[in-house]
C-alpha atoms as a PDB file:
ATOM      1  CA  MET A   1       0.907 -23.223  21.284  1.00  0.00           C
ATOM      2  CA  PRO A   2       0.836 -22.874  25.101  1.00  0.00           C
ATOM      3  CA  PRO A   3      -1.126 -19.841  26.399  1.00  0.00           C
ATOM      4  CA  LEU A   4       1.977 -18.185  27.865  1.00  0.00           C
ATOM      5  CA  GLN A   5       3.865 -18.531  24.594  1.00  0.00           C
ATOM      6  CA  GLU A   6       0.875 -17.143  22.704  1.00  0.00           C
ATOM      7  CA  ALA A   7       0.761 -14.159  25.043  1.00  0.00           C
ATOM      8  CA  VAL A   8       4.471 -13.471  24.592  1.00  0.00           C
ATOM      9  CA  GLN A   9       4.185 -13.742  20.811  1.00  0.00           C
ATOM     10  CA  ALA A  10       1.176 -11.432  20.779  1.00  0.00           C
ATOM     11  CA  ALA A  11       3.071  -8.875  22.869  1.00  0.00           C
ATOM     12  CA  ASP A  12       6.095  -9.078  20.579  1.00  0.00           C
ATOM     13  CA  ASP A  13       3.866  -8.667  17.526  1.00  0.00           C
ATOM     14  CA  ALA A  14       2.121  -5.658  19.039  1.00  0.00           C
ATOM     15  CA  ALA A  15       5.477  -4.062  19.887  1.00  0.00           C
ATOM     16  CA  LEU A  16       6.754  -4.645  16.352  1.00  0.00           C
ATOM     17  CA  ARG A  17       3.628  -3.119  14.811  1.00  0.00           C
ATOM     18  CA  GLN A  18       3.964  -0.099  17.057  1.00  0.00           C
ATOM     19  CA  ARG A  19       7.605   0.251  16.043  1.00  0.00           C
ATOM     20  CA  VAL A  20       6.657   0.091  12.358  1.00  0.00           C
ATOM     21  CA  ALA A  21       3.897   2.663  12.864  1.00  0.00           C
ATOM     22  CA  THR A  22       6.394   4.964  14.578  1.00  0.00           C
ATOM     23  CA  LEU A  23       8.879   4.549  11.715  1.00  0.00           C
ATOM     24  CA  ASN A  24       6.209   5.365   9.139  1.00  0.00           C
ATOM     25  CA  ASP A  25       5.162   8.466  11.082  1.00  0.00           C
ATOM     26  CA  ARG A  26       8.791   9.554  11.441  1.00  0.00           C
ATOM     27  CA  TRP A  27       9.791   9.102   7.786  1.00  0.00           C
ATOM     28  CA  ARG A  28       6.467   9.560   5.970  1.00  0.00           C
ATOM     29  CA  HIS A  29       7.451  12.811   4.251  1.00  0.00           C
ATOM     30  CA  HIS A  30      11.116  12.026   3.716  1.00  0.00           C
ATOM     31  CA  SER A  31      12.974  10.934   0.608  1.00  0.00           C
ATOM     32  CA  ALA A  32      13.714   7.397  -0.495  1.00  0.00           C
ATOM     33  CA  THR A  33      17.373   7.968   0.369  1.00  0.00           C
ATOM     34  CA  ASP A  34      16.436   9.008   3.910  1.00  0.00           C
ATOM     35  CA  VAL A  35      14.291   5.884   4.285  1.00  0.00           C
ATOM     36  CA  MET A  36      17.135   3.730   2.974  1.00  0.00           C
ATOM     37  CA  ARG A  37      19.537   5.301   5.462  1.00  0.00           C
ATOM     38  CA  ALA A  38      17.067   4.726   8.291  1.00  0.00           C
ATOM     39  CA  ALA A  39      16.626   1.114   7.215  1.00  0.00           C
ATOM     40  CA  LEU A  40      20.360   0.446   7.214  1.00  0.00           C
ATOM     41  CA  ARG A  41      20.999   2.152  10.527  1.00  0.00           C
ATOM     42  CA  ASP A  42      17.858   1.886  12.640  1.00  0.00           C
ATOM     43  CA  THR A  43      16.154  -1.463  11.957  1.00  0.00           C
ATOM     44  CA  GLY A  44      18.658  -3.976  13.289  1.00  0.00           C
ATOM     45  CA  LYS A  45      20.415  -6.507  11.106  1.00  0.00           C
ATOM     46  CA  ILE A  46      18.992  -6.026   7.642  1.00  0.00           C
ATOM     47  CA  ALA A  47      19.503  -7.341   4.101  1.00  0.00           C
ATOM     48  CA  LEU A  48      18.578  -6.008   0.697  1.00  0.00           C
ATOM     49  CA  VAL A  49      16.802  -8.560  -1.492  1.00  0.00           C
ATOM     50  CA  SER A  50      17.244  -7.973  -5.212  1.00  0.00           C
ATOM     51  CA  SER A  51      16.111  -9.799  -8.337  1.00  0.00           C
ATOM     52  CA  PHE A  52      18.513  -7.716 -10.475  1.00  0.00           C
ATOM     53  CA  GLY A  53      15.476  -7.077 -12.646  1.00  0.00           C
ATOM     54  CA  ALA A  54      14.288  -4.136 -14.695  1.00  0.00           C
ATOM     55  CA  GLU A  55      14.506  -1.458 -11.974  1.00  0.00           C
ATOM     56  CA  SER A  56      16.658  -3.161  -9.352  1.00  0.00           C
ATOM     57  CA  VAL A  57      19.746  -1.077 -10.054  1.00  0.00           C
ATOM     58  CA  VAL A  58      18.096   2.000  -8.509  1.00  0.00           C
ATOM     59  CA  LEU A  59      17.737   0.434  -5.064  1.00  0.00           C
ATOM     60  CA  LEU A  60      21.149  -1.222  -5.306  1.00  0.00           C
ATOM     61  CA  HIS A  61      22.845   2.053  -6.194  1.00  0.00           C
ATOM     62  CA  MET A  62      21.033   3.908  -3.409  1.00  0.00           C
ATOM     63  CA  ALA A  63      22.204   1.326  -0.877  1.00  0.00           C
ATOM     64  CA  ALA A  64      25.758   1.187  -2.228  1.00  0.00           C
ATOM     65  CA  VAL A  65      26.175   4.945  -1.848  1.00  0.00           C
ATOM     66  CA  ILE A  66      25.348   4.614   1.869  1.00  0.00           C
ATOM     67  CA  GLU A  67      26.858   1.207   2.694  1.00  0.00           C
ATOM     68  CA  ARG A  68      28.521  -1.002   0.074  1.00  0.00           C
ATOM     69  CA  ASN A  69      28.810  -3.875   2.502  1.00  0.00           C
ATOM     70  CA  VAL A  70      25.053  -4.245   2.953  1.00  0.00           C
ATOM     71  CA  PRO A  71      24.122  -7.931   2.523  1.00  0.00           C
ATOM     72  CA  VAL A  72      22.475  -8.299  -0.901  1.00  0.00           C
ATOM     73  CA  LEU A  73      20.487 -11.501  -1.353  1.00  0.00           C
ATOM     74  CA  PHE A  74      20.013 -12.634  -4.953  1.00  0.00           C
ATOM     75  CA  ILE A  75      17.836 -15.684  -5.528  1.00  0.00           C
ATOM     76  CA  ASP A  76      19.061 -17.729  -8.456  1.00  0.00           C
ATOM     77  CA  THR A  77      16.050 -19.894  -9.288  1.00  0.00           C
ATOM     78  CA  GLU A  78      18.086 -21.676 -11.964  1.00  0.00           C
ATOM     79  CA  MET A  79      15.381 -20.591 -14.412  1.00  0.00           C
ATOM     80  CA  LEU A  80      16.447 -16.983 -14.843  1.00  0.00           C
ATOM     81  CA  PHE A  81      17.217 -15.349 -18.167  1.00  0.00           C
ATOM     82  CA  THR A  82      20.895 -15.498 -19.112  1.00  0.00           C
ATOM     83  CA  GLU A  83      20.699 -11.720 -19.482  1.00  0.00           C
ATOM     84  CA  THR A  84      19.747 -11.412 -15.797  1.00  0.00           C
ATOM     85  CA  LEU A  85      22.730 -13.461 -14.651  1.00  0.00           C
ATOM     86  CA  VAL A  86      25.123 -11.392 -16.766  1.00  0.00           C
ATOM     87  CA  TYR A  87      23.491  -8.163 -15.586  1.00  0.00           C
ATOM     88  CA  GLN A  88      23.799  -9.252 -11.955  1.00  0.00           C
ATOM     89  CA  THR A  89      27.552  -9.691 -12.346  1.00  0.00           C
ATOM     90  CA  GLU A  90      28.016  -6.395 -14.183  1.00  0.00           C
ATOM     91  CA  VAL A  91      25.944  -4.321 -11.740  1.00  0.00           C
ATOM     92  CA  SER A  92      27.570  -5.861  -8.658  1.00  0.00           C
ATOM     93  CA  GLU A  93      31.031  -5.068  -9.985  1.00  0.00           C
ATOM     94  CA  ARG A  94      30.124  -1.564 -11.119  1.00  0.00           C
ATOM     95  CA  LEU A  95      28.528  -0.601  -7.797  1.00  0.00           C
ATOM     96  CA  GLY A  96      31.263  -2.263  -5.768  1.00  0.00           C
ATOM     97  CA  LEU A  97      28.877  -4.427  -3.775  1.00  0.00           C
ATOM     98  CA  THR A  98      31.051  -6.396  -1.375  1.00  0.00           C
ATOM     99  CA  ASN A  99      28.494  -8.646   0.327  1.00  0.00           C
ATOM    100  CA  LEU A 100      26.488 -10.279  -2.462  1.00  0.00           C
ATOM    101  CA  ARG A 101      24.995 -13.638  -1.489  1.00  0.00           C
ATOM    102  CA  VAL A 102      23.628 -15.886  -4.237  1.00  0.00           C
ATOM    103  CA  ILE A 103      20.789 -18.002  -2.848  1.00  0.00           C
ATOM    104  CA  ARG A 104      19.716 -21.279  -4.451  1.00  0.00           C
ATOM    105  CA  ALA A 105      17.217 -23.925  -3.385  1.00  0.00           C
ATOM    106  CA  ALA A 106      18.795 -27.091  -2.042  1.00  0.00           C
ATOM    107  CA  ASP A 107      16.043 -29.531  -3.006  1.00  0.00           C
ATOM    108  CA  ILE A 108      15.277 -28.818  -6.669  1.00  0.00           C
ATOM    109  CA  ALA A 109      16.648 -32.190  -7.809  1.00  0.00           C
ATOM    110  CA  ALA A 110      14.294 -34.024  -5.463  1.00  0.00           C
ATOM    111  CA  GLU A 111      11.145 -31.951  -6.018  1.00  0.00           C
ATOM    112  CA  ASP A 112      11.509 -30.855  -9.641  1.00  0.00           C
ATOM    113  CA  PRO A 113      13.993 -33.241 -11.302  1.00  0.00           C
ATOM    114  CA  ASP A 114      12.806 -32.534 -14.847  1.00  0.00           C
ATOM    115  CA  ASN A 115      12.256 -28.769 -14.380  1.00  0.00           C
ATOM    116  CA  THR A 116       8.587 -28.968 -15.340  1.00  0.00           C
ATOM    117  CA  LEU A 117       6.957 -28.057 -12.022  1.00  0.00           C
ATOM    118  CA  HIS A 118       6.190 -24.550 -13.317  1.00  0.00           C
ATOM    119  CA  LEU A 119       4.003 -26.115 -16.020  1.00  0.00           C
ATOM    120  CA  ARG A 120       1.915 -28.026 -13.469  1.00  0.00           C
ATOM    121  CA  ASP A 121       1.860 -25.738 -10.436  1.00  0.00           C
ATOM    122  CA  THR A 122       3.406 -22.273 -10.617  1.00  0.00           C
ATOM    123  CA  ASP A 123       2.774 -21.594  -6.931  1.00  0.00           C
ATOM    124  CA  ALA A 124       4.644 -24.743  -5.920  1.00  0.00           C
ATOM    125  CA  CYS A 125       7.515 -23.845  -8.251  1.00  0.00           C
ATOM    126  CA  CYS A 126       7.807 -20.336  -6.784  1.00  0.00           C
ATOM    127  CA  ASP A 127       7.652 -21.780  -3.285  1.00  0.00           C
ATOM    128  CA  LEU A 128      10.426 -24.266  -4.063  1.00  0.00           C
ATOM    129  CA  ARG A 129      12.757 -21.968  -5.947  1.00  0.00           C
ATOM    130  CA  LYS A 130      12.096 -18.571  -4.336  1.00  0.00           C
ATOM    131  CA  THR A 131      10.081 -18.415  -1.136  1.00  0.00           C
ATOM    132  CA  ARG A 132      11.631 -21.228   0.863  1.00  0.00           C
ATOM    133  CA  PRO A 133      15.271 -20.438   0.050  1.00  0.00           C
ATOM    134  CA  LEU A 134      14.689 -16.748   0.743  1.00  0.00           C
ATOM    135  CA  ASN A 135      13.027 -17.454   4.083  1.00  0.00           C
ATOM    136  CA  ALA A 136      15.979 -19.623   5.045  1.00  0.00           C
ATOM    137  CA  ALA A 137      18.441 -16.904   4.039  1.00  0.00           C
ATOM    138  CA  LEU A 138      16.498 -14.224   5.924  1.00  0.00           C
ATOM    139  CA  ALA A 139      16.395 -16.205   9.166  1.00  0.00           C
ATOM    140  CA  GLU A 140      19.454 -14.372  10.499  1.00  0.00           C
ATOM    141  CA  PHE A 141      18.041 -10.900   9.762  1.00  0.00           C
ATOM    142  CA  ASP A 142      15.667  -8.547  11.576  1.00  0.00           C
ATOM    143  CA  GLY A 143      14.355  -7.104   8.333  1.00  0.00           C
ATOM    144  CA  TRP A 144      14.820  -6.756   4.598  1.00  0.00           C
ATOM    145  CA  ILE A 145      14.685  -4.039   1.960  1.00  0.00           C
ATOM    146  CA  THR A 146      12.596  -4.447  -1.188  1.00  0.00           C
ATOM    147  CA  GLY A 147      12.180  -2.448  -4.396  1.00  0.00           C
ATOM    148  CA  ARG A 148       8.383  -2.607  -4.446  1.00  0.00           C
ATOM    149  CA  LYS A 149       6.470   0.484  -5.551  1.00  0.00           C
ATOM    150  CA  ARG A 150       2.834   1.488  -5.385  1.00  0.00           C
ATOM    151  CA  PHE A 151       2.470   1.971  -9.124  1.00  0.00           C
ATOM    152  CA  GLN A 152       3.467  -1.594 -10.014  1.00  0.00           C
ATOM    153  CA  SER A 153       0.038  -3.147  -9.458  1.00  0.00           C
ATOM    154  CA  GLY A 154      -3.212  -2.696  -7.592  1.00  0.00           C
ATOM    155  CA  THR A 155      -2.063  -5.069  -4.864  1.00  0.00           C
ATOM    156  CA  ARG A 156       0.701  -2.601  -3.925  1.00  0.00           C
ATOM    157  CA  ALA A 157      -1.349   0.617  -4.083  1.00  0.00           C
ATOM    158  CA  ALA A 158      -1.353   1.207  -0.304  1.00  0.00           C
ATOM    159  CA  LEU A 159       2.283   0.255   0.282  1.00  0.00           C
ATOM    160  CA  ASP A 160       4.043   2.025   3.173  1.00  0.00           C
ATOM    161  CA  PHE A 161       7.765   2.601   3.662  1.00  0.00           C
ATOM    162  CA  PHE A 162       7.827   0.176   6.581  1.00  0.00           C
ATOM    163  CA  GLU A 163       5.618  -2.852   7.157  1.00  0.00           C
ATOM    164  CA  VAL A 164       5.437  -5.928   9.339  1.00  0.00           C
ATOM    165  CA  GLU A 165       6.079  -9.240   7.641  1.00  0.00           C
ATOM    166  CA  ASP A 166       3.390 -11.380   9.220  1.00  0.00           C
ATOM    167  CA  GLY A 167       4.490 -14.470  11.075  1.00  0.00           C
ATOM    168  CA  THR A 168       8.231 -13.795  10.929  1.00  0.00           C
ATOM    169  CA  GLY A 169       8.934 -10.984  13.367  1.00  0.00           C
ATOM    170  CA  ARG A 170      10.735  -9.113  10.582  1.00  0.00           C
ATOM    171  CA  ILE A 171      10.302  -5.620   9.160  1.00  0.00           C
ATOM    172  CA  LYS A 172      10.070  -5.050   5.415  1.00  0.00           C
ATOM    173  CA  VAL A 173      11.274  -1.719   4.085  1.00  0.00           C
ATOM    174  CA  ASN A 174      10.136  -0.246   0.769  1.00  0.00           C
ATOM    175  CA  PRO A 175      12.177   2.954   0.180  1.00  0.00           C
ATOM    176  CA  LEU A 176      10.762   3.430  -3.338  1.00  0.00           C
ATOM    177  CA  ALA A 177       7.125   2.869  -2.332  1.00  0.00           C
ATOM    178  CA  HIS A 178       5.989   6.345  -3.356  1.00  0.00           C
ATOM    179  CA  TRP A 179       8.020   6.648  -6.540  1.00  0.00           C
ATOM    180  CA  ALA A 180       6.370   7.011  -9.947  1.00  0.00           C
ATOM    181  CA  PRO A 181       7.801   5.498 -13.165  1.00  0.00           C
ATOM    182  CA  GLU A 182       9.320   8.851 -14.122  1.00  0.00           C
ATOM    183  CA  ASP A 183      11.178   8.984 -10.795  1.00  0.00           C
ATOM    184  CA  VAL A 184      12.817   5.655 -11.598  1.00  0.00           C
ATOM    185  CA  ARG A 185      13.783   6.783 -15.099  1.00  0.00           C
ATOM    186  CA  SER A 186      15.173  10.096 -13.838  1.00  0.00           C
ATOM    187  CA  TYR A 187      17.276   8.442 -11.135  1.00  0.00           C
ATOM    188  CA  MET A 188      18.754   5.976 -13.611  1.00  0.00           C
ATOM    189  CA  GLU A 189      19.545   8.712 -16.124  1.00  0.00           C
ATOM    190  CA  GLU A 190      21.003  11.139 -13.587  1.00  0.00           C
ATOM    191  CA  ASN A 191      23.274   8.449 -12.158  1.00  0.00           C
ATOM    192  CA  ARG A 192      24.030   6.846 -15.531  1.00  0.00           C
ATOM    193  CA  LEU A 193      22.994   3.429 -14.328  1.00  0.00           C
ATOM    194  CA  PRO A 194      23.005   0.461 -16.709  1.00  0.00           C
ATOM    195  CA  ARG A 195      19.625  -0.873 -17.798  1.00  0.00           C
ATOM    196  CA  HIS A 196      18.690  -4.528 -17.867  1.00  0.00           C
ATOM    197  CA  PRO A 197      19.090  -5.566 -21.529  1.00  0.00           C
ATOM    198  CA  LEU A 198      15.610  -7.120 -21.661  1.00  0.00           C
ATOM    199  CA  VAL A 199      13.861  -3.807 -20.909  1.00  0.00           C
ATOM    200  CA  ALA A 200      14.534  -2.637 -24.456  1.00  0.00           C
ATOM    201  CA  LYS A 201      12.896  -5.835 -25.693  1.00  0.00           C
ATOM    202  CA  GLY A 202       9.583  -5.142 -23.963  1.00  0.00           C
ATOM    203  CA  TYR A 203      10.138  -6.619 -20.494  1.00  0.00           C
ATOM    204  CA  PRO A 204       9.356  -3.922 -17.852  1.00  0.00           C
ATOM    205  CA  SER A 205       9.125  -6.620 -15.149  1.00  0.00           C
ATOM    206  CA  ILE A 206      11.480  -9.586 -15.272  1.00  0.00           C
ATOM    207  CA  GLY A 207      11.294 -12.895 -13.457  1.00  0.00           C
ATOM    208  CA  CYS A 208      12.026 -16.462 -14.486  1.00  0.00           C
ATOM    209  CA  ALA A 209      12.310 -17.073 -18.225  1.00  0.00           C
ATOM    210  CA  PRO A 210       9.474 -19.647 -18.551  1.00  0.00           C
ATOM    211  CA  CYS A 211       6.973 -17.421 -16.737  1.00  0.00           C
ATOM    212  CA  THR A 212       7.838 -13.977 -18.131  1.00  0.00           C
ATOM    213  CA  SER A 213       6.712 -12.580 -21.477  1.00  0.00           C
ATOM    214  CA  PRO A 214       6.998  -9.179 -23.205  1.00  0.00           C
ATOM    215  CA  VAL A 215       4.421  -6.521 -22.349  1.00  0.00           C
ATOM    216  CA  LYS A 216       2.443  -4.678 -25.013  1.00  0.00           C
ATOM    217  CA  PRO A 217       2.083  -0.868 -24.999  1.00  0.00           C
ATOM    218  CA  GLY A 218      -0.631   0.167 -22.564  1.00  0.00           C
ATOM    219  CA  GLU A 219      -0.555  -3.044 -20.538  1.00  0.00           C
ATOM    220  CA  ASP A 220       0.139  -3.194 -16.814  1.00  0.00           C
ATOM    221  CA  PRO A 221       3.945  -3.399 -16.339  1.00  0.00           C
ATOM    222  CA  ARG A 222       3.517  -6.756 -14.592  1.00  0.00           C
ATOM    223  CA  ALA A 223       1.134  -8.195 -17.195  1.00  0.00           C
ATOM    224  CA  GLY A 224       3.965 -10.303 -18.567  1.00  0.00           C
ATOM    225  CA  ARG A 225       4.439 -12.143 -15.274  1.00  0.00           C
ATOM    226  CA  TRP A 226       2.495 -15.434 -15.277  1.00  0.00           C
ATOM    227  CA  ARG A 227       0.417 -14.198 -18.200  1.00  0.00           C
ATOM    228  CA  ASP A 228      -3.150 -15.538 -18.375  1.00  0.00           C
ATOM    229  CA  GLN A 229      -2.873 -17.037 -14.906  1.00  0.00           C
ATOM    230  CA  ASN A 230      -4.608 -16.024 -11.693  1.00  0.00           C
ATOM    231  CA  LYS A 231      -1.285 -14.986 -10.180  1.00  0.00           C
ATOM    232  CA  ASP A 232       0.554 -11.710  -9.702  1.00  0.00           C
ATOM    233  CA  GLU A 233       3.090 -12.478  -6.939  1.00  0.00           C
ATOM    234  CA  CYS A 234       5.599 -15.270  -6.447  1.00  0.00           C
ATOM    235  CA  GLY A 235       4.837 -15.767  -2.759  1.00  0.00           C
ATOM    236  CA  ILE A 236       7.766 -13.731  -1.485  1.00  0.00           C
ATOM    237  CA  HIS A 237       5.396 -10.812  -0.916  1.00  0.00           C
ATOM    238  CA  PHE A 238       2.150 -11.220   0.951  1.00  0.00           C
ATOM    239  CA  VAL A 239      -0.988  -9.182   1.609  1.00  0.00           C
ATOM    240  CA  ASN A 240      -2.556  -9.627   5.051  1.00  0.00           C
ATOM    241  CA  GLY A 241      -0.408 -12.701   5.605  1.00  0.00           C
ATOM    242  CA  LYS A 242      -1.622 -14.508   2.483  1.00  0.00           C
ATOM    243  CA  MET A 243      -0.098 -14.982  -0.943  1.00  0.00           C
ATOM    244  CA  VAL A 244      -1.616 -12.612  -3.472  1.00  0.00           C
ATOM    245  CA  ARG A 245      -3.828 -14.396  -5.996  1.00  0.00           C
ATOM    246  CA  LEU A 246      -4.897 -11.461  -8.139  1.00  0.00           C
ATOM    247  CA  GLY A 247      -4.189 -11.351 -11.846  1.00  0.00           C
ATOM    248  CA  ALA A 248      -1.945  -8.624 -13.196  1.00  0.00           C
ATOM    249  CA  GLY A 249      -3.628  -5.264 -13.303  1.00  0.00           C
ATOM    250  CA  GLN A 250      -6.539  -6.260 -11.058  1.00  0.00           C
END
């Protein structure tokens, strides 16, 4: 990269980090709803990314109350549980979401024709089916909203409301960062929100069917994701610009 371009990029990155620091200082002691409202109104063109998993309905409902036309990006990896696809349709209709965008990878047939890539290389499968299509879909946005929470795993313990997504120039917003499990349960009960049908079957965290298993009592909620593998994130979320490689609960 030419020196001038490097200097411009460094200046832009510094400005973005300062903006994120200012947002965190401004909203640090506010509610998740306040952070959601700030994200939708004060961070440029933004999308909400949802897996329609175990707790996704909370964030979706919170956004729908403020702005039903918020772009909602749902990545269909073509390996999801049937229950997730049905749940996605039911929740979208119930909340009146008017800007749902279903994202699918364009090159699965070429790179994983027999749907066995996840057996050989889970990172490559996640990159093909999740990370790359999401990055392409997010290209038009200044930021995106996630449902990540500090309690979900050790890798998320220091999560802030606002963060810089390294290398993209985008802001990531985590309105539920400081919520505890009981906060999620209370919000769902108070608003009579439908639960993902697999939660009752022992799936507190739900991803693709081949790589998600039930969780035993006392286990980390994400222990069923890529069980027995040195992997806890799909590559969509990064720590210090690198894909997380820690096992669940570490």
